[in-house]
Amino acid sequence: MPLPGRPAKRACMARYRLVFKGAGMRSYNIAKRPLWVLAAVLAGSIHSGAVAHSAAPLSATIAPTELQQRDNSLYLALGEYQGLSQLMEAFVLAIAVDERVIHHFERVDIERFHQMLTLHLCELTGGPCEYTGADMVEVHRGMRISSAEFNAVVENLITAMQQQQLSVSTQNRLLAILAAMQHEIVYPQEQK
């Protein structure tokens, strides 16, 4: 079953950076978010049992009948595929104006990044998608991402979720899934 998407076209993050140069970052009040969630996400201490930690995609580790019975409430709360796609677009735009992390995306095919990230989150949140991309360790190999850069990306995701007006509980559920992958993304010498 094909998923909705955009025509494939190559773009680079520098294009987005030029469009938004000088626009500045919007400030969001994150005081409503429980502090333990922010602290745990930024420290990488949340471990979700719902996330498979193997290098294989979830579809390869879950039998089809289990995949169909998997909880998809987070996928639905995020607005299904279209909502995830819109969230990832807002996320990419937030990254585009963040000087702390933009250098990691300068040579990235943004359309493919958007598509693969949307598919990966669709699968992780219980949607019907099958992520066929590389595992997180392979994707981030050689990038030497620091804990501070990982935290900056998390801040950009929070900004994007707030722009999409997602509930705090929905945001926290997604952050918990993603926090469990920090050890696969951050350069090993940075982890403590």
Protein backbone atom coordinates (compact mmCIF):
# COMPACT_ATOMS: atom_id res chain seq x y z
CA MET A 1 0.00 0.00 0.00
CA PRO A 2 1.71 3.24 -1.08
CA LEU A 3 1.90 5.99 1.48
CA PRO A 4 1.13 9.61 0.72
CA GLY A 5 4.16 11.70 0.06
CA ARG A 6 5.70 14.29 -2.14
CA PRO A 7 7.45 13.86 -5.44
CA ALA A 8 11.08 13.08 -4.84
CA LYS A 9 13.41 15.98 -5.43
CA ARG A 10 16.84 16.73 -4.13
CA ALA A 11 17.42 19.69 -1.87
CA CYS A 12 20.01 20.63 0.65
CA MET A 13 19.61 22.20 4.06
CA ALA A 14 21.55 25.27 2.91
CA ARG A 15 18.52 26.17 0.78
CA TYR A 16 16.33 26.28 3.86
CA ARG A 17 18.96 28.19 5.78
CA LEU A 18 19.00 30.97 3.17
CA VAL A 19 15.24 31.28 3.23
CA PHE A 20 15.17 31.65 6.99
CA LYS A 21 18.43 33.54 7.51
CA GLY A 22 17.84 36.33 9.98
CA ALA A 23 14.34 35.14 10.82
CA GLY A 24 15.43 34.15 14.32
CA MET A 25 14.16 31.34 16.47
CA ARG A 26 10.76 31.57 18.12
CA SER A 27 10.74 31.16 21.85
CA TYR A 28 8.39 28.63 23.44
CA ASN A 29 7.37 28.28 27.04
CA ILE A 30 8.15 24.72 28.05
CA ALA A 31 7.18 25.24 31.67
CA LYS A 32 4.02 23.15 31.22
CA ARG A 33 6.10 20.08 30.38
CA PRO A 34 6.88 18.02 33.48
CA LEU A 35 10.50 18.72 34.39
CA TRP A 36 11.28 15.05 34.98
CA VAL A 37 10.39 14.32 31.35
CA LEU A 38 12.67 17.04 30.02
CA ALA A 39 15.49 16.02 32.32
CA ALA A 40 15.11 12.36 31.45
CA VAL A 41 14.92 12.99 27.70
CA LEU A 42 17.93 15.26 27.70
CA ALA A 43 19.88 12.87 29.89
CA GLY A 44 18.81 9.88 27.81
CA SER A 45 17.54 8.00 30.83
CA ILE A 46 14.08 7.10 29.59
CA HIS A 47 13.95 3.55 28.31
CA SER A 48 10.84 2.49 26.48
CA GLY A 49 10.02 -1.18 26.35
CA ALA A 50 8.09 -0.49 23.15
CA VAL A 51 11.24 0.30 21.21
CA ALA A 52 13.26 -2.50 19.67
CA HIS A 53 16.97 -1.90 20.22
CA SER A 54 18.19 -4.27 17.54
CA ALA A 55 19.66 -3.14 14.25
CA ALA A 56 16.84 -4.85 12.36
CA PRO A 57 13.73 -2.86 11.48
CA LEU A 58 10.70 -3.52 13.68
CA SER A 59 8.86 -5.18 10.81
CA ALA A 60 11.56 -7.86 10.75
CA THR A 61 11.33 -8.53 14.48
CA ILE A 62 7.55 -8.60 14.87
CA ALA A 63 5.36 -11.21 13.24
CA PRO A 64 2.64 -9.78 10.95
CA THR A 65 -0.14 -10.73 13.36
CA GLU A 66 1.67 -8.97 16.21
CA LEU A 67 2.28 -5.95 13.98
CA GLN A 68 -1.44 -5.65 13.31
CA GLN A 69 -2.25 -5.91 17.04
CA ARG A 70 0.42 -3.40 18.07
CA ASP A 71 -0.80 -0.30 19.89
CA ASN A 72 -1.25 2.47 17.35
CA SER A 73 -2.70 5.10 19.69
CA LEU A 74 0.41 7.30 19.46
CA TYR A 75 0.37 7.06 15.66
CA LEU A 76 -3.27 8.18 15.70
CA ALA A 77 -2.58 10.98 18.22
CA LEU A 78 0.17 12.30 15.93
CA GLY A 79 -2.32 12.59 13.06
CA GLU A 80 -1.39 9.38 11.25
CA TYR A 81 0.98 9.61 8.26
CA GLN A 82 -0.08 13.09 7.21
CA GLY A 83 0.35 14.46 10.74
CA LEU A 84 3.77 12.83 11.07
CA SER A 85 4.82 14.26 7.71
CA GLN A 86 3.75 17.76 8.77
CA LEU A 87 5.56 17.34 12.09
CA MET A 88 8.76 16.26 10.33
CA GLU A 89 8.52 19.23 7.97
CA ALA A 90 8.28 21.62 10.93
CA PHE A 91 11.18 19.74 12.55
CA VAL A 92 13.38 20.12 9.44
CA LEU A 93 12.60 23.83 9.30
CA ALA A 94 13.54 24.22 12.98
CA ILE A 95 16.85 22.47 12.32
CA ALA A 96 17.45 24.74 9.31
CA VAL A 97 17.83 27.81 11.54
CA ASP A 98 19.77 26.13 14.34
CA GLU A 99 23.46 26.95 14.00
CA ARG A 100 24.28 24.32 16.65
CA VAL A 101 23.37 21.42 14.36
CA ILE A 102 22.95 22.71 10.80
CA HIS A 103 26.45 21.55 9.83
CA HIS A 104 25.35 17.92 10.19
CA PHE A 105 22.65 18.43 7.54
CA GLU A 106 24.43 20.50 4.88
CA ARG A 107 24.99 17.55 2.53
CA VAL A 108 21.78 15.71 3.33
CA ASP A 109 19.09 15.04 0.74
CA ILE A 110 16.32 16.77 2.70
CA GLU A 111 13.43 15.18 0.81
CA ARG A 112 14.81 11.68 1.49
CA PHE A 113 15.62 12.60 5.12
CA HIS A 114 12.05 13.84 5.59
CA GLN A 115 10.57 10.73 3.97
CA MET A 116 12.72 8.21 5.85
CA LEU A 117 12.27 9.95 9.20
CA THR A 118 8.50 10.03 8.67
CA LEU A 119 8.46 6.32 7.79
CA HIS A 120 10.64 5.44 10.79
CA LEU A 121 8.41 7.36 13.20
CA CYS A 122 5.31 5.90 11.56
CA GLU A 123 6.60 2.42 12.31
CA LEU A 124 7.88 3.24 15.83
CA THR A 125 4.56 4.79 16.85
CA GLY A 126 2.47 1.82 15.72
CA GLY A 127 1.54 2.92 12.22
CA PRO A 128 1.27 0.64 9.18
CA CYS A 129 4.60 1.77 7.69
CA GLU A 130 7.69 -0.35 7.20
CA TYR A 131 10.95 1.52 7.69
CA THR A 132 13.50 0.11 5.25
CA GLY A 133 16.39 2.49 5.96
CA ALA A 134 19.61 1.83 7.82
CA ASP A 135 19.66 1.43 11.59
CA MET A 136 20.46 4.50 13.71
CA VAL A 137 24.05 3.45 14.43
CA GLU A 138 24.83 3.15 10.72
CA VAL A 139 23.04 6.39 9.80
CA HIS A 140 25.00 8.39 12.37
CA ARG A 141 28.39 6.65 11.96
CA GLY A 142 31.20 9.15 11.52
CA MET A 143 29.05 12.18 12.37
CA ARG A 144 30.54 12.50 15.88
CA ILE A 145 27.30 13.87 17.32
CA SER A 146 27.80 15.25 20.82
CA SER A 147 25.32 15.09 23.67
CA ALA A 148 24.84 18.86 23.33
CA GLU A 149 23.97 18.46 19.63
CA PHE A 150 21.58 15.61 20.41
CA ASN A 151 19.90 17.83 23.01
CA ALA A 152 19.66 20.67 20.47
CA VAL A 153 17.87 18.36 18.03
CA VAL A 154 15.48 17.31 20.82
CA GLU A 155 14.76 21.01 21.47
CA ASN A 156 13.98 21.43 17.76
CA LEU A 157 11.60 18.49 17.88
CA ILE A 158 9.85 19.96 20.92
CA THR A 159 9.51 23.27 19.05
CA ALA A 160 8.01 21.45 16.05
CA MET A 161 5.57 19.50 18.25
CA GLN A 162 4.44 22.71 19.94
CA GLN A 163 3.93 24.36 16.54
CA GLN A 164 1.75 21.39 15.56
CA GLN A 165 -0.19 21.89 18.83
CA LEU A 166 0.31 18.32 19.98
CA SER A 167 -0.76 17.57 23.54
CA VAL A 168 1.97 17.39 26.17
CA SER A 169 1.18 13.71 26.79
CA THR A 170 1.56 12.93 23.07
CA GLN A 171 4.84 14.85 22.98
CA ASN A 172 6.13 12.98 26.03
CA ARG A 173 5.23 9.59 24.53
CA LEU A 174 7.13 10.37 21.33
CA LEU A 175 10.11 11.78 23.24
CA ALA A 176 10.26 8.64 25.38
CA ILE A 177 10.55 6.45 22.28
CA LEU A 178 13.23 8.63 20.74
CA ALA A 179 15.22 9.06 23.96
CA ALA A 180 15.81 5.32 24.02
CA MET A 181 17.80 5.72 20.78
CA GLN A 182 20.25 8.30 22.15
CA HIS A 183 22.93 5.65 22.70
CA GLU A 184 22.72 4.77 18.98
CA ILE A 185 23.14 8.39 17.85
CA VAL A 186 25.58 10.15 20.20
CA TYR A 187 29.29 9.61 19.55
CA PRO A 188 30.46 6.97 22.09
CA GLN A 189 33.13 9.12 23.76
CA GLU A 190 30.44 11.68 24.60
CA GLN A 191 28.22 9.22 26.47
CA LYS A 192 28.71 8.96 30.20
